[in-house]
Amino acid sequence: MNTTPGVAELLFPRQPHTLIRVGYTGSRDGMTTAQMRAVFRHLAGILTACDLDNPLIEAHHGDCTGGDAQFHVIATVLGCRTVAHPPSSPARRAWCQADEIRAPKDYLARDWDIASETGSLLAAPKTPEPYRGSGTWTTAGYGVQMNHPVTVFLPDGSARPAHEFGLRRA
């Protein structure tokens, strides 16, 4: 077996990947066009503007119809590795063809997993202000409790840190 590197390996040596784990939470009604553009630009910016060698984004989402399915497409188009955290109830499941599919869990448990298994969180809520009963805002709150950077993409496409909405660490 020949272990001598070829010309391609000498000219373009493989760099180890820097793994960046990003979580997503969004409305079952889906993202607005402005939110989709902003989320796309955010992920693309991580891939192109950071000074890390050969970054690889691992994009985690809840595998529901609406925002999760849209995020899955954005992440796939950008070449991210995708990880789905499906709900135990199949009624709103999107059945995304992720690179890794976790065991189904009830909504709050899998939302906690998405926040805890990632280093940052992107939230695309339906409303510009938090409200009780919103899984998107709850998941954003989990990220804040874990002291992770949480970026909220409002329906108009603007982005703000979660702490500006009164979400605080426990």
N, C-alpha and C. Protein backbone atom coordinates (compact mmCIF):
# COMPACT_ATOMS: atom_id res chain seq x y z
N MET A 1 0.85 -1.19 0.00
CA MET A 1 0.00 0.00 0.00
C MET A 1 0.89 1.24 0.00
N ASN A 2 0.63 2.15 -0.93
CA ASN A 2 1.42 3.36 -1.07
C ASN A 2 0.86 4.44 -0.14
N THR A 3 1.69 4.94 0.77
CA THR A 3 1.25 5.99 1.71
C THR A 3 1.89 7.33 1.38
N THR A 4 2.59 7.41 0.25
CA THR A 4 3.20 8.67 -0.16
C THR A 4 2.11 9.61 -0.64
N PRO A 5 2.11 10.86 -0.12
CA PRO A 5 1.06 11.79 -0.55
C PRO A 5 1.19 12.14 -2.02
N GLY A 6 0.04 12.29 -2.67
CA GLY A 6 0.01 12.69 -4.07
C GLY A 6 0.15 14.20 -4.21
N VAL A 7 0.20 14.65 -5.45
CA VAL A 7 0.35 16.08 -5.72
C VAL A 7 -0.80 16.89 -5.11
N ALA A 8 -2.02 16.40 -5.23
CA ALA A 8 -3.18 17.12 -4.69
C ALA A 8 -3.06 17.28 -3.17
N GLU A 9 -2.64 16.22 -2.48
CA GLU A 9 -2.51 16.29 -1.03
C GLU A 9 -1.40 17.25 -0.62
N LEU A 10 -0.33 17.32 -1.43
CA LEU A 10 0.77 18.24 -1.12
C LEU A 10 0.37 19.69 -1.36
N LEU A 11 -0.35 19.93 -2.45
CA LEU A 11 -0.77 21.30 -2.78
C LEU A 11 -1.94 21.78 -1.94
N PHE A 12 -2.84 20.88 -1.63
CA PHE A 12 -4.06 21.23 -0.89
C PHE A 12 -4.24 20.28 0.29
N PRO A 13 -3.40 20.43 1.31
CA PRO A 13 -3.52 19.49 2.44
C PRO A 13 -4.85 19.65 3.14
N ARG A 14 -5.39 18.54 3.60
CA ARG A 14 -6.67 18.57 4.33
C ARG A 14 -6.45 19.18 5.70
N GLN A 15 -7.33 20.09 6.05
CA GLN A 15 -7.27 20.72 7.35
C GLN A 15 -8.31 20.06 8.25
N PRO A 16 -8.00 19.94 9.52
CA PRO A 16 -9.03 19.40 10.41
C PRO A 16 -10.18 20.39 10.50
N HIS A 17 -11.38 19.88 10.62
CA HIS A 17 -12.56 20.72 10.72
C HIS A 17 -12.65 21.36 12.11
N THR A 18 -13.07 22.60 12.13
CA THR A 18 -13.45 23.26 13.37
C THR A 18 -14.96 23.14 13.45
N LEU A 19 -15.47 22.35 14.38
CA LEU A 19 -16.89 22.09 14.46
C LEU A 19 -17.60 23.18 15.25
N ILE A 20 -18.60 23.77 14.62
CA ILE A 20 -19.41 24.80 15.24
C ILE A 20 -20.83 24.26 15.29
N ARG A 21 -21.37 24.12 16.50
CA ARG A 21 -22.73 23.59 16.66
C ARG A 21 -23.70 24.75 16.85
N VAL A 22 -24.66 24.85 15.93
CA VAL A 22 -25.65 25.92 15.95
C VAL A 22 -27.04 25.30 16.05
N GLY A 23 -27.84 25.78 17.00
CA GLY A 23 -29.22 25.31 17.14
C GLY A 23 -30.18 26.31 16.52
N TYR A 24 -31.35 25.82 16.15
CA TYR A 24 -32.39 26.67 15.57
C TYR A 24 -33.72 26.35 16.23
N THR A 25 -34.50 27.39 16.45
CA THR A 25 -35.88 27.24 16.91
C THR A 25 -36.73 28.26 16.17
N GLY A 26 -37.90 27.82 15.72
CA GLY A 26 -38.75 28.73 14.97
C GLY A 26 -40.21 28.30 15.00
N SER A 27 -41.03 29.14 14.43
CA SER A 27 -42.47 28.95 14.44
C SER A 27 -42.91 27.81 13.51
N ARG A 28 -43.95 27.12 13.91
CA ARG A 28 -44.51 26.08 13.03
C ARG A 28 -45.17 26.71 11.80
N ASP A 29 -45.43 28.03 11.87
CA ASP A 29 -45.97 28.73 10.70
C ASP A 29 -44.89 29.08 9.69
N GLY A 30 -43.64 28.85 10.04
CA GLY A 30 -42.53 29.12 9.14
C GLY A 30 -41.96 30.51 9.32
N MET A 31 -40.82 30.71 8.69
CA MET A 31 -40.15 32.01 8.73
C MET A 31 -40.72 32.92 7.65
N THR A 32 -40.64 34.21 7.90
CA THR A 32 -40.95 35.17 6.85
C THR A 32 -39.78 35.15 5.87
N THR A 33 -39.99 35.71 4.70
CA THR A 33 -38.91 35.81 3.71
C THR A 33 -37.72 36.55 4.30
N ALA A 34 -38.00 37.62 5.04
CA ALA A 34 -36.93 38.41 5.65
C ALA A 34 -36.15 37.57 6.68
N GLN A 35 -36.85 36.76 7.46
CA GLN A 35 -36.16 35.89 8.42
C GLN A 35 -35.29 34.86 7.70
N MET A 36 -35.82 34.26 6.62
CA MET A 36 -35.04 33.26 5.88
C MET A 36 -33.76 33.87 5.33
N ARG A 37 -33.88 35.06 4.77
CA ARG A 37 -32.68 35.73 4.24
C ARG A 37 -31.67 36.00 5.35
N ALA A 38 -32.16 36.50 6.48
CA ALA A 38 -31.27 36.84 7.60
C ALA A 38 -30.58 35.60 8.17
N VAL A 39 -31.33 34.51 8.32
CA VAL A 39 -30.75 33.26 8.85
C VAL A 39 -29.72 32.71 7.86
N PHE A 40 -30.05 32.75 6.57
CA PHE A 40 -29.11 32.30 5.54
C PHE A 40 -27.82 33.10 5.61
N ARG A 41 -27.94 34.44 5.66
CA ARG A 41 -26.76 35.30 5.72
C ARG A 41 -25.94 35.02 6.99
N HIS A 42 -26.63 34.78 8.10
CA HIS A 42 -25.94 34.51 9.36
C HIS A 42 -25.10 33.24 9.25
N LEU A 43 -25.70 32.15 8.79
CA LEU A 43 -24.96 30.89 8.65
C LEU A 43 -23.85 31.01 7.62
N ALA A 44 -24.14 31.64 6.50
CA ALA A 44 -23.12 31.83 5.46
C ALA A 44 -21.97 32.67 6.01
N GLY A 45 -22.28 33.64 6.84
CA GLY A 45 -21.25 34.47 7.44
C GLY A 45 -20.34 33.69 8.36
N ILE A 46 -20.89 32.75 9.08
CA ILE A 46 -20.06 31.89 9.94
C ILE A 46 -19.08 31.11 9.07
N LEU A 47 -19.58 30.59 7.96
CA LEU A 47 -18.74 29.77 7.09
C LEU A 47 -17.66 30.58 6.36
N THR A 48 -17.97 31.82 6.01
CA THR A 48 -17.04 32.57 5.17
C THR A 48 -16.26 33.66 5.89
N ALA A 49 -16.79 34.26 6.92
CA ALA A 49 -16.14 35.41 7.54
C ALA A 49 -15.31 35.07 8.77
N CYS A 50 -15.53 33.92 9.35
CA CYS A 50 -14.74 33.59 10.54
C CYS A 50 -13.33 33.20 10.11
N ASP A 51 -12.38 33.40 10.98
CA ASP A 51 -11.00 33.08 10.64
C ASP A 51 -10.59 31.70 11.12
N LEU A 52 -11.54 30.80 11.15
CA LEU A 52 -11.25 29.42 11.53
C LEU A 52 -10.86 28.64 10.28
N ASP A 53 -9.94 27.69 10.43
CA ASP A 53 -9.57 26.85 9.31
C ASP A 53 -10.65 25.80 9.09
N ASN A 54 -11.19 25.77 7.88
CA ASN A 54 -12.10 24.71 7.44
C ASN A 54 -13.27 24.50 8.41
N PRO A 55 -14.10 25.53 8.65
CA PRO A 55 -15.19 25.35 9.61
C PRO A 55 -16.26 24.39 9.10
N LEU A 56 -16.85 23.67 10.00
CA LEU A 56 -17.97 22.79 9.69
C LEU A 56 -19.08 23.14 10.67
N ILE A 57 -20.23 23.50 10.14
CA ILE A 57 -21.37 23.81 11.00
C ILE A 57 -22.22 22.55 11.13
N GLU A 58 -22.55 22.24 12.37
CA GLU A 58 -23.51 21.18 12.67
C GLU A 58 -24.78 21.91 13.09
N ALA A 59 -25.80 21.82 12.26
CA ALA A 59 -27.05 22.57 12.45
C ALA A 59 -28.12 21.67 13.06
N HIS A 60 -28.54 22.01 14.29
CA HIS A 60 -29.55 21.24 15.02
C HIS A 60 -30.90 21.94 14.90
N HIS A 61 -31.95 21.15 14.70
CA HIS A 61 -33.31 21.71 14.63
C HIS A 61 -34.31 20.68 15.13
N GLY A 62 -35.55 21.12 15.30
CA GLY A 62 -36.58 20.28 15.90
C GLY A 62 -37.39 19.42 14.95
N ASP A 63 -37.08 19.42 13.65
CA ASP A 63 -37.74 18.56 12.66
C ASP A 63 -39.26 18.71 12.64
N CYS A 64 -39.73 19.93 12.77
CA CYS A 64 -41.17 20.19 12.63
C CYS A 64 -41.43 20.93 11.32
N THR A 65 -42.68 20.88 10.88
CA THR A 65 -43.07 21.65 9.70
C THR A 65 -42.91 23.13 10.02
N GLY A 66 -42.74 23.93 9.01
CA GLY A 66 -42.58 25.36 9.21
C GLY A 66 -41.11 25.73 9.27
N GLY A 67 -40.74 26.48 10.31
CA GLY A 67 -39.40 27.03 10.43
C GLY A 67 -38.30 25.99 10.47
N ASP A 68 -38.51 24.89 11.17
CA ASP A 68 -37.47 23.85 11.24
C ASP A 68 -37.17 23.30 9.85
N ALA A 69 -38.19 23.01 9.08
CA ALA A 69 -38.00 22.47 7.73
C ALA A 69 -37.30 23.50 6.84
N GLN A 70 -37.67 24.77 6.98
CA GLN A 70 -37.01 25.81 6.20
C GLN A 70 -35.54 25.94 6.59
N PHE A 71 -35.27 25.91 7.89
CA PHE A 71 -33.89 25.98 8.36
C PHE A 71 -33.09 24.78 7.84
N HIS A 72 -33.70 23.62 7.83
CA HIS A 72 -33.01 22.42 7.32
C HIS A 72 -32.56 22.63 5.88
N VAL A 73 -33.42 23.21 5.06
CA VAL A 73 -33.07 23.47 3.66
C VAL A 73 -31.91 24.47 3.58
N ILE A 74 -31.99 25.55 4.35
CA ILE A 74 -30.92 26.55 4.35
C ILE A 74 -29.60 25.90 4.76
N ALA A 75 -29.61 25.13 5.84
CA ALA A 75 -28.40 24.49 6.32
C ALA A 75 -27.84 23.51 5.30
N THR A 76 -28.72 22.76 4.65
CA THR A 76 -28.28 21.79 3.65
C THR A 76 -27.67 22.49 2.44
N VAL A 77 -28.31 23.56 1.98
CA VAL A 77 -27.78 24.31 0.83
C VAL A 77 -26.38 24.85 1.13
N LEU A 78 -26.15 25.24 2.37
CA LEU A 78 -24.85 25.79 2.76
C LEU A 78 -23.83 24.70 3.09
N GLY A 79 -24.23 23.45 3.00
CA GLY A 79 -23.29 22.36 3.24
C GLY A 79 -23.08 22.02 4.71
N CYS A 80 -24.01 22.42 5.55
CA CYS A 80 -23.90 22.11 6.98
C CYS A 80 -24.27 20.64 7.22
N ARG A 81 -23.72 20.08 8.26
CA ARG A 81 -24.16 18.78 8.73
C ARG A 81 -25.42 19.02 9.55
N THR A 82 -26.47 18.26 9.31
CA THR A 82 -27.75 18.50 9.99
C THR A 82 -28.05 17.42 11.02
N VAL A 83 -28.63 17.87 12.14
CA VAL A 83 -29.03 16.97 13.22
C VAL A 83 -30.48 17.32 13.58
N ALA A 84 -31.37 16.35 13.42
CA ALA A 84 -32.79 16.55 13.72
C ALA A 84 -33.11 16.00 15.10
N HIS A 85 -33.89 16.77 15.85
CA HIS A 85 -34.38 16.38 17.17
C HIS A 85 -35.91 16.31 17.05
N PRO A 86 -36.45 15.21 16.53
CA PRO A 86 -37.88 15.17 16.23
C PRO A 86 -38.77 15.11 17.48
N PRO A 87 -40.00 15.60 17.31
CA PRO A 87 -40.96 15.50 18.40
C PRO A 87 -41.53 14.08 18.47
N SER A 88 -41.99 13.71 19.66
CA SER A 88 -42.58 12.38 19.81
C SER A 88 -43.93 12.28 19.09
N SER A 89 -44.61 13.40 18.93
CA SER A 89 -45.87 13.41 18.19
C SER A 89 -45.58 13.63 16.71
N PRO A 90 -46.01 12.70 15.85
CA PRO A 90 -45.70 12.84 14.42
C PRO A 90 -46.58 13.86 13.68
N ALA A 91 -47.57 14.43 14.36
CA ALA A 91 -48.54 15.31 13.68
C ALA A 91 -47.88 16.49 12.97
N ARG A 92 -46.88 17.09 13.59
CA ARG A 92 -46.23 18.27 12.98
C ARG A 92 -44.79 17.99 12.56
N ARG A 93 -44.43 16.72 12.53
CA ARG A 93 -43.06 16.37 12.14
C ARG A 93 -42.85 16.59 10.65
N ALA A 94 -41.68 17.13 10.30
CA ALA A 94 -41.37 17.42 8.90
C ALA A 94 -40.68 16.24 8.20
N TRP A 95 -40.14 15.32 8.95
CA TRP A 95 -39.45 14.16 8.41
C TRP A 95 -38.27 14.58 7.52
N CYS A 96 -37.49 15.53 7.99
CA CYS A 96 -36.31 15.99 7.27
C CYS A 96 -35.29 14.85 7.16
N GLN A 97 -34.60 14.80 6.05
CA GLN A 97 -33.57 13.78 5.83
C GLN A 97 -32.24 14.31 6.37
N ALA A 98 -32.13 14.36 7.68
CA ALA A 98 -30.95 14.90 8.34
C ALA A 98 -29.81 13.88 8.34
N ASP A 99 -28.60 14.39 8.53
CA ASP A 99 -27.44 13.51 8.61
C ASP A 99 -27.51 12.63 9.87
N GLU A 100 -28.12 13.18 10.90
CA GLU A 100 -28.31 12.42 12.14
C GLU A 100 -29.70 12.73 12.67
N ILE A 101 -30.41 11.71 13.07
CA ILE A 101 -31.75 11.88 13.61
C ILE A 101 -31.78 11.29 15.00
N ARG A 102 -32.07 12.14 15.97
CA ARG A 102 -32.12 11.70 17.36
C ARG A 102 -33.45 11.00 17.65
N ALA A 103 -33.50 10.33 18.78
CA ALA A 103 -34.74 9.67 19.20
C ALA A 103 -35.81 10.73 19.47
N PRO A 104 -37.04 10.48 19.06
CA PRO A 104 -38.11 11.45 19.31
C PRO A 104 -38.32 11.68 20.80
N LYS A 105 -38.62 12.93 21.15
CA LYS A 105 -38.93 13.32 22.54
C LYS A 105 -40.07 14.31 22.51
N ASP A 106 -40.70 14.52 23.68
CA ASP A 106 -41.75 15.53 23.72
C ASP A 106 -41.10 16.90 23.47
N TYR A 107 -41.95 17.87 23.11
CA TYR A 107 -41.45 19.15 22.62
C TYR A 107 -40.46 19.84 23.55
N LEU A 108 -40.79 20.00 24.82
CA LEU A 108 -39.91 20.74 25.72
C LEU A 108 -38.58 20.02 25.95
N ALA A 109 -38.62 18.70 26.02
CA ALA A 109 -37.38 17.93 26.23
C ALA A 109 -36.45 18.05 25.03
N ARG A 110 -36.98 17.95 23.84
CA ARG A 110 -36.10 18.06 22.68
C ARG A 110 -35.66 19.50 22.48
N ASP A 111 -36.48 20.49 22.86
CA ASP A 111 -36.06 21.89 22.78
C ASP A 111 -34.87 22.13 23.72
N TRP A 112 -34.92 21.54 24.91
CA TRP A 112 -33.82 21.64 25.86
C TRP A 112 -32.56 21.01 25.26
N ASP A 113 -32.71 19.84 24.61
CA ASP A 113 -31.57 19.16 23.99
C ASP A 113 -30.93 20.03 22.92
N ILE A 114 -31.75 20.67 22.09
CA ILE A 114 -31.21 21.53 21.03
C ILE A 114 -30.38 22.65 21.65
N ALA A 115 -30.90 23.28 22.69
CA ALA A 115 -30.17 24.37 23.34
C ALA A 115 -28.90 23.87 24.03
N SER A 116 -28.99 22.71 24.69
CA SER A 116 -27.84 22.23 25.47
C SER A 116 -26.74 21.63 24.61
N GLU A 117 -27.07 21.12 23.43
CA GLU A 117 -26.08 20.45 22.59
C GLU A 117 -25.39 21.38 21.60
N THR A 118 -25.75 22.65 21.63
CA THR A 118 -25.17 23.59 20.68
C THR A 118 -24.48 24.74 21.41
N GLY A 119 -23.59 25.42 20.72
CA GLY A 119 -22.87 26.52 21.33
C GLY A 119 -23.55 27.86 21.15
N SER A 120 -24.45 27.94 20.19
CA SER A 120 -25.23 29.16 19.97
C SER A 120 -26.59 28.75 19.42
N LEU A 121 -27.53 29.68 19.51
CA LEU A 121 -28.90 29.38 19.12
C LEU A 121 -29.45 30.51 18.27
N LEU A 122 -30.15 30.14 17.21
CA LEU A 122 -30.84 31.10 16.35
C LEU A 122 -32.34 30.90 16.56
N ALA A 123 -33.06 31.98 16.80
CA ALA A 123 -34.50 31.90 17.02
C ALA A 123 -35.21 32.78 16.01
N ALA A 124 -36.23 32.23 15.36
CA ALA A 124 -37.02 32.98 14.39
C ALA A 124 -38.49 32.90 14.81
N PRO A 125 -38.88 33.73 15.77
CA PRO A 125 -40.25 33.66 16.29
C PRO A 125 -41.27 34.29 15.34
N LYS A 126 -42.51 33.90 15.56
CA LYS A 126 -43.63 34.44 14.78
C LYS A 126 -43.94 35.88 15.19
N THR A 127 -43.69 36.19 16.46
CA THR A 127 -44.03 37.50 17.01
C THR A 127 -42.78 38.25 17.44
N PRO A 128 -42.83 39.57 17.45
CA PRO A 128 -41.65 40.35 17.84
C PRO A 128 -41.43 40.43 19.35
N GLU A 129 -42.35 39.90 20.14
CA GLU A 129 -42.21 39.92 21.60
C GLU A 129 -42.52 38.53 22.16
N PRO A 130 -41.80 38.14 23.22
CA PRO A 130 -42.07 36.83 23.84
C PRO A 130 -43.50 36.75 24.38
N TYR A 131 -44.06 35.55 24.34
CA TYR A 131 -45.36 35.32 24.96
C TYR A 131 -45.39 33.91 25.54
N ARG A 132 -46.20 33.76 26.56
CA ARG A 132 -46.34 32.49 27.26
C ARG A 132 -46.92 31.44 26.32
N GLY A 133 -46.33 30.26 26.34
CA GLY A 133 -46.81 29.16 25.52
C GLY A 133 -46.09 29.03 24.18
N SER A 134 -45.17 29.93 23.89
CA SER A 134 -44.41 29.86 22.64
C SER A 134 -43.19 28.95 22.81
N GLY A 135 -43.15 27.88 22.06
CA GLY A 135 -42.00 26.99 22.11
C GLY A 135 -40.72 27.67 21.62
N THR A 136 -40.85 28.55 20.64
CA THR A 136 -39.69 29.26 20.12
C THR A 136 -39.06 30.13 21.19
N TRP A 137 -39.89 30.94 21.87
CA TRP A 137 -39.37 31.81 22.92
C TRP A 137 -38.89 31.01 24.12
N THR A 138 -39.53 29.88 24.42
CA THR A 138 -39.08 29.02 25.52
C THR A 138 -37.69 28.46 25.22
N THR A 139 -37.49 27.98 24.00
CA THR A 139 -36.19 27.43 23.61
C THR A 139 -35.12 28.51 23.65
N ALA A 140 -35.44 29.71 23.18
CA ALA A 140 -34.49 30.83 23.26
C ALA A 140 -34.12 31.07 24.72
N GLY A 141 -35.10 31.00 25.60
CA GLY A 141 -34.84 31.16 27.03
C GLY A 141 -33.93 30.08 27.58
N TYR A 142 -34.09 28.83 27.10
CA TYR A 142 -33.19 27.76 27.51
C TYR A 142 -31.74 28.11 27.14
N GLY A 143 -31.55 28.61 25.92
CA GLY A 143 -30.20 28.99 25.49
C GLY A 143 -29.61 30.07 26.37
N VAL A 144 -30.42 31.06 26.72
CA VAL A 144 -29.96 32.13 27.60
C VAL A 144 -29.59 31.56 28.97
N GLN A 145 -30.41 30.66 29.51
CA GLN A 145 -30.12 30.03 30.80
C GLN A 145 -28.77 29.30 30.77
N MET A 146 -28.41 28.77 29.63
CA MET A 146 -27.14 28.04 29.49
C MET A 146 -25.98 28.97 29.15
N ASN A 147 -26.27 30.26 29.12
CA ASN A 147 -25.27 31.28 28.82
C ASN A 147 -24.71 31.15 27.40
N HIS A 148 -25.55 30.68 26.47
CA HIS A 148 -25.16 30.59 25.07
C HIS A 148 -25.60 31.86 24.36
N PRO A 149 -24.86 32.28 23.35
CA PRO A 149 -25.34 33.41 22.55
C PRO A 149 -26.62 33.00 21.81
N VAL A 150 -27.65 33.80 21.96
CA VAL A 150 -28.93 33.53 21.29
C VAL A 150 -29.27 34.75 20.45
N THR A 151 -29.40 34.55 19.14
CA THR A 151 -29.75 35.63 18.23
C THR A 151 -31.20 35.43 17.80
N VAL A 152 -32.00 36.47 17.99
CA VAL A 152 -33.41 36.42 17.62
C VAL A 152 -33.58 37.17 16.30
N PHE A 153 -34.13 36.48 15.31
CA PHE A 153 -34.41 37.07 14.00
C PHE A 153 -35.90 37.40 13.96
N LEU A 154 -36.21 38.66 14.03
CA LEU A 154 -37.61 39.11 14.07
C LEU A 154 -38.27 38.96 12.71
N PRO A 155 -39.60 39.00 12.66
CA PRO A 155 -40.30 38.83 11.37
C PRO A 155 -39.85 39.80 10.28
N ASP A 156 -39.35 40.98 10.66
CA ASP A 156 -38.88 41.94 9.65
C ASP A 156 -37.45 41.65 9.19
N GLY A 157 -36.82 40.60 9.74
CA GLY A 157 -35.47 40.22 9.36
C GLY A 157 -34.37 40.81 10.22
N SER A 158 -34.72 41.73 11.09
CA SER A 158 -33.70 42.31 11.97
C SER A 158 -33.30 41.28 13.02
N ALA A 159 -32.08 41.41 13.50
CA ALA A 159 -31.54 40.45 14.48
C ALA A 159 -31.16 41.20 15.75
N ARG A 160 -31.53 40.59 16.88
CA ARG A 160 -31.21 41.18 18.19
C ARG A 160 -30.83 40.06 19.15
N PRO A 161 -29.97 40.36 20.12
CA PRO A 161 -29.65 39.35 21.13
C PRO A 161 -30.85 39.11 22.04
N ALA A 162 -30.99 37.88 22.49
CA ALA A 162 -32.17 37.48 23.28
C ALA A 162 -32.31 38.27 24.57
N HIS A 163 -31.20 38.69 25.17
CA HIS A 163 -31.30 39.40 26.45
C HIS A 163 -32.06 40.72 26.29
N GLU A 164 -32.14 41.27 25.08
CA GLU A 164 -32.90 42.51 24.87
C GLU A 164 -34.42 42.31 25.02
N PHE A 165 -34.84 41.06 25.07
CA PHE A 165 -36.27 40.76 25.20
C PHE A 165 -36.61 40.37 26.63
N GLY A 166 -35.69 40.54 27.54
CA GLY A 166 -35.94 40.21 28.94
C GLY A 166 -35.68 38.76 29.27
N LEU A 167 -35.15 37.99 28.34
CA LEU A 167 -34.79 36.59 28.63
C LEU A 167 -33.49 36.62 29.40
N ARG A 168 -33.50 36.04 30.58
CA ARG A 168 -32.35 36.12 31.48
C ARG A 168 -31.92 34.74 31.94
N ARG A 169 -30.68 34.69 32.40
CA ARG A 169 -30.19 33.44 32.97
C ARG A 169 -30.91 33.14 34.27
N ALA A 170 -31.11 31.86 34.54
CA ALA A 170 -31.81 31.44 35.77
C ALA A 170 -30.97 31.70 36.98
